[in-house]
């Protein structure tokens, strides 16, 4: 019985450590800003992200994209609709600004 309890405790400790490590990895992939704050940060990009806009992103817009980072950009794209922000145009900002971001998982 003692051996069983010792093995169970060891297993529980290992499981807990694995869960903590996984939780830390997940947190590094989340946006630490609110939805509203993220949206405000991208105001310089508005002319470049309205539907069918021929205007490219400005230097201020690209700096905002770099500052926000991929997790916040994806957070914004997956959030509620924003009047005047075309999601597909927002998704093109990293490429147009020459920022190396992983693609966003839409709807997740």
C-alpha atoms as a PDB file:
ATOM      1  CA  UNK A   1       0.000   0.000   0.000  1.00  0.00           C
ATOM      2  CA  UNK A   2       2.837   2.425   0.854  1.00  0.00           C
ATOM      3  CA  UNK A   3       4.515   1.741  -2.500  1.00  0.00           C
ATOM      4  CA  UNK A   4       1.230   2.464  -4.289  1.00  0.00           C
ATOM      5  CA  UNK A   5       0.831   5.784  -2.476  1.00  0.00           C
ATOM      6  CA  UNK A   6       4.460   6.723  -3.174  1.00  0.00           C
ATOM      7  CA  UNK A   7       4.061   5.894  -6.904  1.00  0.00           C
ATOM      8  CA  UNK A   8       0.791   7.848  -7.027  1.00  0.00           C
ATOM      9  CA  UNK A   9       2.411  10.880  -5.394  1.00  0.00           C
ATOM     10  CA  UNK A  10       5.353  10.733  -7.806  1.00  0.00           C
ATOM     11  CA  UNK A  11       3.013  10.449 -10.781  1.00  0.00           C
ATOM     12  CA  UNK A  12       0.884  13.348  -9.485  1.00  0.00           C
ATOM     13  CA  UNK A  13       3.959  15.530  -9.056  1.00  0.00           C
ATOM     14  CA  UNK A  14       5.206  14.781 -12.578  1.00  0.00           C
ATOM     15  CA  UNK A  15       1.732  15.431 -13.999  1.00  0.00           C
ATOM     16  CA  UNK A  16       1.538  18.745 -12.154  1.00  0.00           C
ATOM     17  CA  UNK A  17       4.942  19.834 -13.508  1.00  0.00           C
ATOM     18  CA  UNK A  18       3.908  18.949 -17.067  1.00  0.00           C
ATOM     19  CA  UNK A  19       0.676  20.925 -16.695  1.00  0.00           C
ATOM     20  CA  UNK A  20       2.551  23.974 -15.366  1.00  0.00           C
ATOM     21  CA  UNK A  21       4.995  23.847 -18.285  1.00  0.00           C
ATOM     22  CA  UNK A  22       2.147  23.587 -20.801  1.00  0.00           C
ATOM     23  CA  UNK A  23       0.293  26.453 -19.157  1.00  0.00           C
ATOM     24  CA  UNK A  24       3.390  28.658 -19.399  1.00  0.00           C
ATOM     25  CA  UNK A  25       3.714  27.897 -23.111  1.00  0.00           C
ATOM     26  CA  UNK A  26       0.076  28.790 -23.695  1.00  0.00           C
ATOM     27  CA  UNK A  27       0.410  32.080 -21.860  1.00  0.00           C
ATOM     28  CA  UNK A  28       3.265  33.182 -24.091  1.00  0.00           C
ATOM     29  CA  UNK A  29       0.885  32.868 -27.049  1.00  0.00           C
ATOM     30  CA  UNK A  30      -1.857  35.092 -25.632  1.00  0.00           C
ATOM     31  CA  UNK A  31      -2.445  38.801 -25.889  1.00  0.00           C
ATOM     32  CA  UNK A  32      -2.008  40.699 -22.642  1.00  0.00           C
ATOM     33  CA  UNK A  33      -4.094  43.647 -23.876  1.00  0.00           C
ATOM     34  CA  UNK A  34      -7.841  44.131 -23.873  1.00  0.00           C
ATOM     35  CA  UNK A  35      -9.743  43.941 -27.145  1.00  0.00           C
ATOM     36  CA  UNK A  36     -10.431  47.680 -27.009  1.00  0.00           C
ATOM     37  CA  UNK A  37      -6.772  48.502 -26.308  1.00  0.00           C
ATOM     38  CA  UNK A  38      -5.681  46.333 -29.227  1.00  0.00           C
ATOM     39  CA  UNK A  39      -8.166  48.033 -31.532  1.00  0.00           C
ATOM     40  CA  UNK A  40      -7.001  51.506 -30.428  1.00  0.00           C
ATOM     41  CA  UNK A  41      -3.372  50.512 -31.072  1.00  0.00           C
ATOM     42  CA  UNK A  42      -4.261  49.756 -34.712  1.00  0.00           C
ATOM     43  CA  UNK A  43      -5.948  53.105 -35.437  1.00  0.00           C
ATOM     44  CA  UNK A  44      -2.980  54.192 -37.613  1.00  0.00           C
ATOM     45  CA  UNK A  45      -3.822  51.191 -39.822  1.00  0.00           C
ATOM     46  CA  UNK A  46      -7.433  52.161 -40.477  1.00  0.00           C
ATOM     47  CA  UNK A  47      -6.843  53.623 -43.973  1.00  0.00           C
ATOM     48  CA  UNK A  48      -5.094  50.392 -44.986  1.00  0.00           C
ATOM     49  CA  UNK A  49      -7.669  47.963 -43.591  1.00  0.00           C
ATOM     50  CA  UNK A  50     -10.988  49.266 -44.902  1.00  0.00           C
ATOM     51  CA  UNK A  51     -12.530  46.980 -47.506  1.00  0.00           C
ATOM     52  CA  UNK A  52     -10.892  47.211 -50.937  1.00  0.00           C
ATOM     53  CA  UNK A  53      -8.460  49.919 -49.804  1.00  0.00           C
ATOM     54  CA  UNK A  54      -5.715  50.623 -52.324  1.00  0.00           C
ATOM     55  CA  UNK A  55      -3.728  52.382 -49.581  1.00  0.00           C
ATOM     56  CA  UNK A  56      -0.829  50.441 -48.095  1.00  0.00           C
ATOM     57  CA  UNK A  57       0.018  50.505 -44.404  1.00  0.00           C
ATOM     58  CA  UNK A  58       1.882  53.567 -43.194  1.00  0.00           C
ATOM     59  CA  UNK A  59       5.098  53.470 -41.218  1.00  0.00           C
ATOM     60  CA  UNK A  60       3.066  54.229 -38.056  1.00  0.00           C
ATOM     61  CA  UNK A  61       0.740  51.333 -38.865  1.00  0.00           C
ATOM     62  CA  UNK A  62       3.634  48.898 -39.342  1.00  0.00           C
ATOM     63  CA  UNK A  63       5.172  50.037 -36.073  1.00  0.00           C
ATOM     64  CA  UNK A  64       1.823  49.417 -34.349  1.00  0.00           C
ATOM     65  CA  UNK A  65       1.668  45.912 -35.844  1.00  0.00           C
ATOM     66  CA  UNK A  66       5.199  45.156 -34.608  1.00  0.00           C
ATOM     67  CA  UNK A  67       4.375  46.526 -31.163  1.00  0.00           C
ATOM     68  CA  UNK A  68       1.175  44.497 -30.866  1.00  0.00           C
ATOM     69  CA  UNK A  69       2.701  41.232 -31.990  1.00  0.00           C
ATOM     70  CA  UNK A  70       1.079  38.204 -33.546  1.00  0.00           C
ATOM     71  CA  UNK A  71      -1.014  37.098 -30.531  1.00  0.00           C
ATOM     72  CA  UNK A  72      -2.755  40.483 -30.247  1.00  0.00           C
ATOM     73  CA  UNK A  73      -3.313  40.779 -33.989  1.00  0.00           C
ATOM     74  CA  UNK A  74      -4.927  37.334 -33.999  1.00  0.00           C
ATOM     75  CA  UNK A  75      -6.922  38.249 -30.883  1.00  0.00           C
ATOM     76  CA  UNK A  76      -8.317  41.249 -32.762  1.00  0.00           C
ATOM     77  CA  UNK A  77      -9.106  39.259 -35.909  1.00  0.00           C
ATOM     78  CA  UNK A  78     -10.915  36.574 -33.900  1.00  0.00           C
ATOM     79  CA  UNK A  79     -12.869  39.080 -31.830  1.00  0.00           C
ATOM     80  CA  UNK A  80     -16.198  40.714 -32.590  1.00  0.00           C
ATOM     81  CA  UNK A  81     -16.610  42.555 -35.903  1.00  0.00           C
ATOM     82  CA  UNK A  82     -15.246  46.102 -35.978  1.00  0.00           C
ATOM     83  CA  UNK A  83     -16.851  48.660 -38.242  1.00  0.00           C
ATOM     84  CA  UNK A  84     -14.273  49.905 -40.731  1.00  0.00           C
ATOM     85  CA  UNK A  85     -11.786  47.028 -40.193  1.00  0.00           C
ATOM     86  CA  UNK A  86     -11.840  44.333 -42.868  1.00  0.00           C
ATOM     87  CA  UNK A  87     -10.471  41.169 -41.235  1.00  0.00           C
ATOM     88  CA  UNK A  88      -8.855  39.923 -44.429  1.00  0.00           C
ATOM     89  CA  UNK A  89      -7.057  43.263 -44.822  1.00  0.00           C
ATOM     90  CA  UNK A  90      -5.914  43.126 -41.174  1.00  0.00           C
ATOM     91  CA  UNK A  91      -4.530  39.630 -41.797  1.00  0.00           C
ATOM     92  CA  UNK A  92      -2.419  41.025 -44.655  1.00  0.00           C
ATOM     93  CA  UNK A  93      -0.714  43.644 -42.470  1.00  0.00           C
ATOM     94  CA  UNK A  94       2.218  41.467 -41.305  1.00  0.00           C
ATOM     95  CA  UNK A  95       3.108  40.597 -44.893  1.00  0.00           C
ATOM     96  CA  UNK A  96       2.716  44.168 -46.114  1.00  0.00           C
ATOM     97  CA  UNK A  97       4.750  45.483 -43.180  1.00  0.00           C
ATOM     98  CA  UNK A  98       7.386  42.784 -43.658  1.00  0.00           C
ATOM     99  CA  UNK A  99       6.837  41.384 -40.168  1.00  0.00           C
ATOM    100  CA  UNK A 100       7.494  37.683 -39.678  1.00  0.00           C
ATOM    101  CA  UNK A 101       4.365  36.444 -37.849  1.00  0.00           C
ATOM    102  CA  UNK A 102       2.834  32.993 -37.859  1.00  0.00           C
ATOM    103  CA  UNK A 103      -0.590  32.965 -39.543  1.00  0.00           C
ATOM    104  CA  UNK A 104      -3.609  33.429 -37.275  1.00  0.00           C
ATOM    105  CA  UNK A 105      -5.952  30.538 -36.578  1.00  0.00           C
ATOM    106  CA  UNK A 106      -9.269  32.075 -37.538  1.00  0.00           C
ATOM    107  CA  UNK A 107     -12.179  31.230 -35.285  1.00  0.00           C
ATOM    108  CA  UNK A 108     -10.117  29.623 -32.507  1.00  0.00           C
END
